[in-house]
Amino acid sequence: MQHLFSLLLAMTLIQATASQAAEPLSPKNDFAFESQDGTLAISFGSQRIADYVYRDEKIPRPYFSNR
């Protein structure tokens, strides 16, 4: 769970830095997170960019997957 917290903190910092840019963020170009069974789906705008897998029967450690 500590890895998940670190990931969310990093994404929040990236998003906060991006909001300082000249072009303001809108819902269509913002990060979104969706929790699924053992996975956190990460999207930017409408595009899914990665999955953070924290529970897998075959791999005993958390990892990123780009599907």
PDB file of N, CA and C in Angstrom:
ATOM      1  N   MET A   1       0.814  -1.181   0.000  1.00  0.00           N
ATOM      2  CA  MET A   1       0.000   0.000   0.000  1.00  0.00           C
ATOM      3  C   MET A   1       0.864   1.254   0.000  1.00  0.00           C
ATOM      4  N   GLN A   2       2.073   1.158   0.552  1.00  0.00           N
ATOM      5  CA  GLN A   2       2.969   2.307   0.571  1.00  0.00           C
ATOM      6  C   GLN A   2       3.360   2.691  -0.850  1.00  0.00           C
ATOM      7  N   HIS A   3       3.522   1.711  -1.737  1.00  0.00           N
ATOM      8  CA  HIS A   3       3.849   1.992  -3.133  1.00  0.00           C
ATOM      9  C   HIS A   3       2.700   2.744  -3.804  1.00  0.00           C
ATOM     10  N   LEU A   4       1.492   2.356  -3.512  1.00  0.00           N
ATOM     11  CA  LEU A   4       0.318   3.012  -4.071  1.00  0.00           C
ATOM     12  C   LEU A   4       0.253   4.464  -3.604  1.00  0.00           C
ATOM     13  N   PHE A   5       0.519   4.705  -2.336  1.00  0.00           N
ATOM     14  CA  PHE A   5       0.524   6.067  -1.810  1.00  0.00           C
ATOM     15  C   PHE A   5       1.598   6.897  -2.502  1.00  0.00           C
ATOM     16  N   SER A   6       2.790   6.325  -2.698  1.00  0.00           N
ATOM     17  CA  SER A   6       3.875   7.039  -3.372  1.00  0.00           C
ATOM     18  C   SER A   6       3.494   7.396  -4.801  1.00  0.00           C
ATOM     19  N   LEU A   7       2.846   6.460  -5.483  1.00  0.00           N
ATOM     20  CA  LEU A   7       2.410   6.704  -6.853  1.00  0.00           C
ATOM     21  C   LEU A   7       1.389   7.835  -6.900  1.00  0.00           C
ATOM     22  N   LEU A   8       0.405   7.791  -6.026  1.00  0.00           N
ATOM     23  CA  LEU A   8      -0.607   8.841  -6.011  1.00  0.00           C
ATOM     24  C   LEU A   8      -0.011  10.197  -5.657  1.00  0.00           C
ATOM     25  N   LEU A   9       0.939  10.228  -4.757  1.00  0.00           N
ATOM     26  CA  LEU A   9       1.607  11.470  -4.395  1.00  0.00           C
ATOM     27  C   LEU A   9       2.371  12.031  -5.590  1.00  0.00           C
ATOM     28  N   ALA A  10       3.090  11.170  -6.299  1.00  0.00           N
ATOM     29  CA  ALA A  10       3.848  11.611  -7.477  1.00  0.00           C
ATOM     30  C   ALA A  10       2.919  12.157  -8.549  1.00  0.00           C
ATOM     31  N   MET A  11       1.818  11.471  -8.800  1.00  0.00           N
ATOM     32  CA  MET A  11       0.867  11.941  -9.813  1.00  0.00           C
ATOM     33  C   MET A  11       0.254  13.283  -9.411  1.00  0.00           C
ATOM     34  N   THR A  12      -0.007  13.460  -8.129  1.00  0.00           N
ATOM     35  CA  THR A  12      -0.560  14.722  -7.648  1.00  0.00           C
ATOM     36  C   THR A  12       0.438  15.855  -7.852  1.00  0.00           C
ATOM     37  N   LEU A  13       1.713  15.593  -7.570  1.00  0.00           N
ATOM     38  CA  LEU A  13       2.741  16.614  -7.771  1.00  0.00           C
ATOM     39  C   LEU A  13       2.899  16.963  -9.242  1.00  0.00           C
ATOM     40  N   ILE A  14       2.847  15.968 -10.100  1.00  0.00           N
ATOM     41  CA  ILE A  14       2.932  16.219 -11.543  1.00  0.00           C
ATOM     42  C   ILE A  14       1.753  17.068 -11.989  1.00  0.00           C
ATOM     43  N   GLN A  15       0.579  16.722 -11.512  1.00  0.00           N
ATOM     44  CA  GLN A  15      -0.622  17.457 -11.880  1.00  0.00           C
ATOM     45  C   GLN A  15      -0.559  18.894 -11.362  1.00  0.00           C
ATOM     46  N   ALA A  16      -0.073  19.088 -10.158  1.00  0.00           N
ATOM     47  CA  ALA A  16       0.036  20.435  -9.596  1.00  0.00           C
ATOM     48  C   ALA A  16       1.029  21.268 -10.392  1.00  0.00           C
ATOM     49  N   THR A  17       2.131  20.655 -10.825  1.00  0.00           N
ATOM     50  CA  THR A  17       3.120  21.351 -11.633  1.00  0.00           C
ATOM     51  C   THR A  17       2.527  21.718 -12.985  1.00  0.00           C
ATOM     52  N   ALA A  18       1.775  20.820 -13.573  1.00  0.00           N
ATOM     53  CA  ALA A  18       1.154  21.085 -14.869  1.00  0.00           C
ATOM     54  C   ALA A  18       0.144  22.217 -14.772  1.00  0.00           C
ATOM     55  N   SER A  19      -0.501  22.348 -13.630  1.00  0.00           N
ATOM     56  CA  SER A  19      -1.502  23.409 -13.488  1.00  0.00           C
ATOM     57  C   SER A  19      -0.849  24.787 -13.437  1.00  0.00           C
ATOM     58  N   GLN A  20       0.442  24.838 -13.209  1.00  0.00           N
ATOM     59  CA  GLN A  20       1.183  26.090 -13.211  1.00  0.00           C
ATOM     60  C   GLN A  20       1.499  26.544 -14.628  1.00  0.00           C
ATOM     61  N   ALA A  21       1.321  25.668 -15.609  1.00  0.00           N
ATOM     62  CA  ALA A  21       1.645  25.965 -17.007  1.00  0.00           C
ATOM     63  C   ALA A  21       0.695  27.020 -17.558  1.00  0.00           C
ATOM     64  N   ALA A  22       1.035  27.546 -18.730  1.00  0.00           N
ATOM     65  CA  ALA A  22       0.241  28.599 -19.347  1.00  0.00           C
ATOM     66  C   ALA A  22      -1.162  28.125 -19.704  1.00  0.00           C
ATOM     67  N   GLU A  23      -1.292  26.884 -20.162  1.00  0.00           N
ATOM     68  CA  GLU A  23      -2.597  26.350 -20.535  1.00  0.00           C
ATOM     69  C   GLU A  23      -3.229  25.663 -19.333  1.00  0.00           C
ATOM     70  N   PRO A  24      -4.368  26.141 -18.882  1.00  0.00           N
ATOM     71  CA  PRO A  24      -4.995  25.507 -17.713  1.00  0.00           C
ATOM     72  C   PRO A  24      -5.482  24.099 -18.031  1.00  0.00           C
ATOM     73  N   LEU A  25      -5.489  23.247 -17.010  1.00  0.00           N
ATOM     74  CA  LEU A  25      -5.977  21.887 -17.185  1.00  0.00           C
ATOM     75  C   LEU A  25      -7.489  21.888 -17.298  1.00  0.00           C
ATOM     76  N   SER A  26      -7.972  21.008 -18.101  1.00  0.00           N
ATOM     77  CA  SER A  26      -9.412  20.825 -18.210  1.00  0.00           C
ATOM     78  C   SER A  26      -9.702  19.351 -17.990  1.00  0.00           C
ATOM     79  N   PRO A  27     -10.947  18.974 -17.782  1.00  0.00           N
ATOM     80  CA  PRO A  27     -11.261  17.560 -17.542  1.00  0.00           C
ATOM     81  C   PRO A  27     -10.793  16.626 -18.651  1.00  0.00           C
ATOM     82  N   LYS A  28     -10.672  17.117 -19.873  1.00  0.00           N
ATOM     83  CA  LYS A  28     -10.270  16.235 -20.963  1.00  0.00           C
ATOM     84  C   LYS A  28      -8.772  15.940 -20.958  1.00  0.00           C
ATOM     85  N   ASN A  29      -7.947  16.746 -20.277  1.00  0.00           N
ATOM     86  CA  ASN A  29      -6.508  16.467 -20.221  1.00  0.00           C
ATOM     87  C   ASN A  29      -6.009  16.438 -18.784  1.00  0.00           C
ATOM     88  N   ASP A  30      -6.724  15.676 -17.960  1.00  0.00           N
ATOM     89  CA  ASP A  30      -6.398  15.547 -16.551  1.00  0.00           C
ATOM     90  C   ASP A  30      -6.168  14.073 -16.222  1.00  0.00           C
ATOM     91  N   PHE A  31      -5.383  13.803 -15.189  1.00  0.00           N
ATOM     92  CA  PHE A  31      -5.161  12.419 -14.767  1.00  0.00           C
ATOM     93  C   PHE A  31      -6.416  11.869 -14.106  1.00  0.00           C
ATOM     94  N   ALA A  32      -6.664  10.573 -14.324  1.00  0.00           N
ATOM     95  CA  ALA A  32      -7.778   9.890 -13.682  1.00  0.00           C
ATOM     96  C   ALA A  32      -7.293   8.525 -13.205  1.00  0.00           C
ATOM     97  N   PHE A  33      -7.818   8.078 -12.085  1.00  0.00           N
ATOM     98  CA  PHE A  33      -7.444   6.801 -11.496  1.00  0.00           C
ATOM     99  C   PHE A  33      -8.705   5.983 -11.266  1.00  0.00           C
ATOM    100  N   GLU A  34      -8.632   4.704 -11.602  1.00  0.00           N
ATOM    101  CA  GLU A  34      -9.776   3.814 -11.395  1.00  0.00           C
ATOM    102  C   GLU A  34      -9.272   2.521 -10.767  1.00  0.00           C
ATOM    103  N   SER A  35      -9.786   2.225  -9.595  1.00  0.00           N
ATOM    104  CA  SER A  35      -9.381   1.020  -8.896  1.00  0.00           C
ATOM    105  C   SER A  35     -10.173  -0.169  -9.403  1.00  0.00           C
ATOM    106  N   GLN A  36      -9.452  -1.216  -9.756  1.00  0.00           N
ATOM    107  CA  GLN A  36     -10.062  -2.460 -10.198  1.00  0.00           C
ATOM    108  C   GLN A  36      -9.494  -3.571  -9.331  1.00  0.00           C
ATOM    109  N   ASP A  37      -9.817  -4.797  -9.605  1.00  0.00           N
ATOM    110  CA  ASP A  37      -9.390  -5.932  -8.792  1.00  0.00           C
ATOM    111  C   ASP A  37      -7.865  -6.080  -8.790  1.00  0.00           C
ATOM    112  N   GLY A  38      -7.195  -5.540  -7.766  1.00  0.00           N
ATOM    113  CA  GLY A  38      -5.752  -5.652  -7.635  1.00  0.00           C
ATOM    114  C   GLY A  38      -4.964  -4.727  -8.540  1.00  0.00           C
ATOM    115  N   THR A  39      -5.646  -3.793  -9.208  1.00  0.00           N
ATOM    116  CA  THR A  39      -5.006  -2.918 -10.186  1.00  0.00           C
ATOM    117  C   THR A  39      -5.535  -1.494 -10.042  1.00  0.00           C
ATOM    118  N   LEU A  40      -4.658  -0.532 -10.281  1.00  0.00           N
ATOM    119  CA  LEU A  40      -5.054   0.863 -10.352  1.00  0.00           C
ATOM    120  C   LEU A  40      -4.822   1.310 -11.789  1.00  0.00           C
ATOM    121  N   ALA A  41      -5.897   1.577 -12.525  1.00  0.00           N
ATOM    122  CA  ALA A  41      -5.797   2.030 -13.913  1.00  0.00           C
ATOM    123  C   ALA A  41      -5.528   3.534 -13.910  1.00  0.00           C
ATOM    124  N   ILE A  42      -4.518   3.970 -14.674  1.00  0.00           N
ATOM    125  CA  ILE A  42      -4.126   5.374 -14.735  1.00  0.00           C
ATOM    126  C   ILE A  42      -4.380   5.872 -16.154  1.00  0.00           C
ATOM    127  N   SER A  43      -5.166   6.945 -16.246  1.00  0.00           N
ATOM    128  CA  SER A  43      -5.494   7.526 -17.549  1.00  0.00           C
ATOM    129  C   SER A  43      -5.124   8.996 -17.548  1.00  0.00           C
ATOM    130  N   PHE A  44      -4.814   9.497 -18.739  1.00  0.00           N
ATOM    131  CA  PHE A  44      -4.589  10.924 -18.927  1.00  0.00           C
ATOM    132  C   PHE A  44      -5.524  11.356 -20.033  1.00  0.00           C
ATOM    133  N   GLY A  45      -6.467  12.211 -19.683  1.00  0.00           N
ATOM    134  CA  GLY A  45      -7.523  12.542 -20.637  1.00  0.00           C
ATOM    135  C   GLY A  45      -8.366  11.300 -20.855  1.00  0.00           C
ATOM    136  N   SER A  46      -8.571  10.946 -22.095  1.00  0.00           N
ATOM    137  CA  SER A  46      -9.358   9.747 -22.390  1.00  0.00           C
ATOM    138  C   SER A  46      -8.476   8.547 -22.705  1.00  0.00           C
ATOM    139  N   GLN A  47      -7.147   8.706 -22.616  1.00  0.00           N
ATOM    140  CA  GLN A  47      -6.226   7.626 -22.968  1.00  0.00           C
ATOM    141  C   GLN A  47      -5.677   6.938 -21.724  1.00  0.00           C
ATOM    142  N   ARG A  48      -5.819   5.630 -21.673  1.00  0.00           N
ATOM    143  CA  ARG A  48      -5.260   4.839 -20.571  1.00  0.00           C
ATOM    144  C   ARG A  48      -3.764   4.696 -20.803  1.00  0.00           C
ATOM    145  N   ILE A  49      -2.953   5.103 -19.817  1.00  0.00           N
ATOM    146  CA  ILE A  49      -1.508   5.111 -20.028  1.00  0.00           C
ATOM    147  C   ILE A  49      -0.778   4.000 -19.287  1.00  0.00           C
ATOM    148  N   ALA A  50      -1.337   3.521 -18.188  1.00  0.00           N
ATOM    149  CA  ALA A  50      -0.648   2.468 -17.442  1.00  0.00           C
ATOM    150  C   ALA A  50      -1.589   1.833 -16.431  1.00  0.00           C
ATOM    151  N   ASP A  51      -1.170   0.680 -15.961  1.00  0.00           N
ATOM    152  CA  ASP A  51      -1.838   0.009 -14.854  1.00  0.00           C
ATOM    153  C   ASP A  51      -0.797  -0.222 -13.773  1.00  0.00           C
ATOM    154  N   TYR A  52      -1.139   0.093 -12.537  1.00  0.00           N
ATOM    155  CA  TYR A  52      -0.294  -0.223 -11.389  1.00  0.00           C
ATOM    156  C   TYR A  52      -0.906  -1.456 -10.747  1.00  0.00           C
ATOM    157  N   VAL A  53      -0.222  -2.579 -10.889  1.00  0.00           N
ATOM    158  CA  VAL A  53      -0.728  -3.855 -10.381  1.00  0.00           C
ATOM    159  C   VAL A  53      -0.104  -4.088  -9.012  1.00  0.00           C
ATOM    160  N   TYR A  54      -0.941  -4.137  -7.985  1.00  0.00           N
ATOM    161  CA  TYR A  54      -0.435  -4.336  -6.624  1.00  0.00           C
ATOM    162  C   TYR A  54      -0.827  -5.690  -6.052  1.00  0.00           C
ATOM    163  N   ARG A  55      -1.613  -6.451  -6.800  1.00  0.00           N
ATOM    164  CA  ARG A  55      -1.970  -7.803  -6.361  1.00  0.00           C
ATOM    165  C   ARG A  55      -2.051  -8.699  -7.599  1.00  0.00           C
ATOM    166  N   ASP A  56      -1.132  -9.656  -7.657  1.00  0.00           N
ATOM    167  CA  ASP A  56      -1.081 -10.579  -8.787  1.00  0.00           C
ATOM    168  C   ASP A  56      -0.714 -11.957  -8.248  1.00  0.00           C
ATOM    169  N   GLU A  57      -1.425 -12.974  -8.670  1.00  0.00           N
ATOM    170  CA  GLU A  57      -1.160 -14.330  -8.171  1.00  0.00           C
ATOM    171  C   GLU A  57       0.182 -14.872  -8.657  1.00  0.00           C
ATOM    172  N   LYS A  58       0.637 -14.443  -9.826  1.00  0.00           N
ATOM    173  CA  LYS A  58       1.878 -14.988 -10.400  1.00  0.00           C
ATOM    174  C   LYS A  58       3.115 -14.174 -10.041  1.00  0.00           C
ATOM    175  N   ILE A  59       2.963 -12.854  -9.877  1.00  0.00           N
ATOM    176  CA  ILE A  59       4.097 -11.976  -9.577  1.00  0.00           C
ATOM    177  C   ILE A  59       3.885 -11.404  -8.179  1.00  0.00           C
ATOM    178  N   PRO A  60       4.782 -11.707  -7.225  1.00  0.00           N
ATOM    179  CA  PRO A  60       4.535 -11.342  -5.822  1.00  0.00           C
ATOM    180  C   PRO A  60       4.858  -9.896  -5.446  1.00  0.00           C
ATOM    181  N   ARG A  61       5.237  -9.060  -6.382  1.00  0.00           N
ATOM    182  CA  ARG A  61       5.579  -7.672  -6.062  1.00  0.00           C
ATOM    183  C   ARG A  61       4.733  -6.733  -6.930  1.00  0.00           C
ATOM    184  N   PRO A  62       4.537  -5.494  -6.494  1.00  0.00           N
ATOM    185  CA  PRO A  62       3.794  -4.536  -7.319  1.00  0.00           C
ATOM    186  C   PRO A  62       4.596  -4.159  -8.553  1.00  0.00           C
ATOM    187  N   TYR A  63       3.915  -3.827  -9.638  1.00  0.00           N
ATOM    188  CA  TYR A  63       4.600  -3.431 -10.873  1.00  0.00           C
ATOM    189  C   TYR A  63       3.661  -2.593 -11.746  1.00  0.00           C
ATOM    190  N   PHE A  64       4.275  -1.867 -12.704  1.00  0.00           N
ATOM    191  CA  PHE A  64       3.518  -1.122 -13.703  1.00  0.00           C
ATOM    192  C   PHE A  64       3.367  -1.963 -14.952  1.00  0.00           C
ATOM    193  N   SER A  65       2.234  -1.818 -15.578  1.00  0.00           N
ATOM    194  CA  SER A  65       1.967  -2.517 -16.829  1.00  0.00           C
ATOM    195  C   SER A  65       1.353  -1.514 -17.791  1.00  0.00           C
ATOM    196  N   ASN A  66       1.775  -1.590 -19.035  1.00  0.00           N
ATOM    197  CA  ASN A  66       1.154  -0.706 -20.024  1.00  0.00           C
ATOM    198  C   ASN A  66       0.172  -1.458 -20.897  1.00  0.00           C
ATOM    199  N   ARG A  67      -0.256  -2.601 -20.429  1.00  0.00           N
ATOM    200  CA  ARG A  67      -1.235  -3.474 -21.043  1.00  0.00           C
ATOM    201  C   ARG A  67      -0.713  -3.932 -22.323  1.00  0.00           C
TER     202      ARG A  67
END
